[in-house]
C-alpha atoms as a PDB file:
ATOM      1  CA  MET A   1     -12.400   4.267  29.080  1.00  0.00           C
ATOM      2  CA  ILE A   2     -12.078   3.640  25.565  1.00  0.00           C
ATOM      3  CA  ILE A   3     -14.783   1.064  24.137  1.00  0.00           C
ATOM      4  CA  GLU A   4     -12.641  -2.025  22.625  1.00  0.00           C
ATOM      5  CA  GLN A   5      -9.326  -0.643  23.618  1.00  0.00           C
ATOM      6  CA  GLU A   6      -7.039  -3.824  22.974  1.00  0.00           C
ATOM      7  CA  GLN A   7      -8.114  -4.269  19.129  1.00  0.00           C
ATOM      8  CA  LYS A   8      -8.054   0.025  18.127  1.00  0.00           C
ATOM      9  CA  PHE A   9      -4.303  -0.166  19.590  1.00  0.00           C
ATOM     10  CA  LYS A  10      -3.622  -3.073  17.464  1.00  0.00           C
ATOM     11  CA  GLU A  11      -5.114  -1.189  14.669  1.00  0.00           C
ATOM     12  CA  VAL A  12      -2.883   1.969  15.498  1.00  0.00           C
ATOM     13  CA  LEU A  13      -0.041   0.023  16.064  1.00  0.00           C
ATOM     14  CA  SER A  14       0.127  -1.556  12.415  1.00  0.00           C
ATOM     15  CA  LYS A  15      -0.835   1.636  10.879  1.00  0.00           C
ATOM     16  CA  ILE A  16       2.569   3.672  12.767  1.00  0.00           C
ATOM     17  CA  GLU A  17       5.086   4.613  10.089  1.00  0.00           C
ATOM     18  CA  GLY A  18       8.341   4.727  11.274  1.00  0.00           C
ATOM     19  CA  LYS A  19       9.606   4.636  15.026  1.00  0.00           C
ATOM     20  CA  ILE A  20       7.013   3.586  17.523  1.00  0.00           C
ATOM     21  CA  ASN A  21       6.874   5.827  20.467  1.00  0.00           C
ATOM     22  CA  GLU A  22       4.226   6.655  23.077  1.00  0.00           C
ATOM     23  CA  GLN A  23       3.971  10.178  21.288  1.00  0.00           C
ATOM     24  CA  SER A  24       3.598   8.878  17.003  1.00  0.00           C
ATOM     25  CA  PHE A  25       1.137   6.372  18.711  1.00  0.00           C
ATOM     26  CA  PHE A  26      -1.034   8.802  20.307  1.00  0.00           C
ATOM     27  CA  ASN A  27      -0.679  11.457  17.336  1.00  0.00           C
ATOM     28  CA  LYS A  28      -1.706   8.328  14.998  1.00  0.00           C
ATOM     29  CA  PHE A  29      -4.692   6.991  17.367  1.00  0.00           C
ATOM     30  CA  LEU A  30      -6.380  10.386  17.060  1.00  0.00           C
ATOM     31  CA  GLU A  31      -6.126  10.920  13.678  1.00  0.00           C
ATOM     32  CA  LEU A  32      -7.607   7.366  13.415  1.00  0.00           C
ATOM     33  CA  TYR A  33     -10.310   7.373  15.757  1.00  0.00           C
ATOM     34  CA  PRO A  34     -11.585  11.217  16.473  1.00  0.00           C
ATOM     35  CA  LYS A  35     -14.943  10.378  17.416  1.00  0.00           C
ATOM     36  CA  VAL A  36     -13.842   8.172  20.111  1.00  0.00           C
ATOM     37  CA  TRP A  37     -11.092  10.642  21.449  1.00  0.00           C
ATOM     38  CA  LYS A  38     -13.860  13.275  21.333  1.00  0.00           C
ATOM     39  CA  LYS A  39     -16.233  11.212  22.855  1.00  0.00           C
ATOM     40  CA  HIS A  40     -13.363  10.384  25.582  1.00  0.00           C
ATOM     41  CA  LYS A  41     -13.020  14.273  26.563  1.00  0.00           C
ATOM     42  CA  ALA A  42     -17.001  14.856  27.017  1.00  0.00           C
ATOM     43  CA  THR A  43     -16.969  11.783  29.563  1.00  0.00           C
ATOM     44  CA  PHE A  44     -14.247  13.888  31.252  1.00  0.00           C
ATOM     45  CA  SER A  45     -16.010  17.031  31.201  1.00  0.00           C
ATOM     46  CA  LYS A  46     -19.292  15.667  31.944  1.00  0.00           C
ATOM     47  CA  PHE A  47     -18.267  14.301  35.052  1.00  0.00           C
ATOM     48  CA  ASN A  48     -15.474  17.118  36.109  1.00  0.00           C
ATOM     49  CA  ARG A  49     -19.288  19.531  35.834  1.00  0.00           C
ATOM     50  CA  SER A  50     -21.087  16.569  37.958  1.00  0.00           C
ATOM     51  CA  LYS A  51     -19.312  16.563  41.137  1.00  0.00           C
ATOM     52  CA  GLN A  52     -20.273  19.008  43.906  1.00  0.00           C
ATOM     53  CA  PHE A  53     -18.464  22.050  44.778  1.00  0.00           C
ATOM     54  CA  GLY A  54     -15.745  22.010  46.947  1.00  0.00           C
ATOM     55  CA  GLN A  55     -15.342  18.293  46.108  1.00  0.00           C
ATOM     56  CA  THR A  56     -11.787  16.937  44.658  1.00  0.00           C
ATOM     57  CA  ILE A  57     -11.886  13.446  42.771  1.00  0.00           C
ATOM     58  CA  PRO A  58      -8.813  12.712  41.584  1.00  0.00           C
ATOM     59  CA  LEU A  59      -9.096  12.082  37.990  1.00  0.00           C
ATOM     60  CA  PRO A  60      -6.687  12.594  35.222  1.00  0.00           C
ATOM     61  CA  LYS A  61      -6.915  14.656  32.733  1.00  0.00           C
ATOM     62  CA  PRO A  62      -7.991  12.792  29.207  1.00  0.00           C
ATOM     63  CA  GLU A  63      -4.216  13.762  27.570  1.00  0.00           C
ATOM     64  CA  VAL A  64      -2.879  11.987  30.489  1.00  0.00           C
ATOM     65  CA  SER A  65      -5.305   9.003  31.149  1.00  0.00           C
ATOM     66  CA  LEU A  66      -4.582   8.246  27.241  1.00  0.00           C
ATOM     67  CA  ARG A  67      -0.935   8.590  27.487  1.00  0.00           C
ATOM     68  CA  LYS A  68      -0.889   6.049  30.427  1.00  0.00           C
ATOM     69  CA  GLU A  69      -3.188   3.620  28.287  1.00  0.00           C
ATOM     70  CA  ILE A  70      -0.819   3.656  25.596  1.00  0.00           C
ATOM     71  CA  ARG A  71       2.251   3.655  27.591  1.00  0.00           C
ATOM     72  CA  LEU A  72       1.013   0.543  29.612  1.00  0.00           C
ATOM     73  CA  TRP A  73      -0.290  -1.440  26.420  1.00  0.00           C
ATOM     74  CA  LEU A  74       3.345  -0.671  24.497  1.00  0.00           C
ATOM     75  CA  GLN A  75       5.065  -2.020  27.638  1.00  0.00           C
ATOM     76  CA  LYS A  76       2.888  -5.457  27.234  1.00  0.00           C
ATOM     77  CA  GLN A  77       3.677  -5.791  23.254  1.00  0.00           C
END
């Protein structure tokens, strides 16, 4: 989960030049918010390491979850 996601996504949208799609949005987000992205990936890794052996918890990879959030947000706009 990304803190203040709505505000960050609006900022990214204002900075994109040219065609707006999921890939360009994703790339610009990584460029503008590298610390947020690093924290998002670290949280995923920490959670993945904490689960007990043999248990599976369906948690999407950080790239997949961010792309899904971007896709849903862009559809609402």
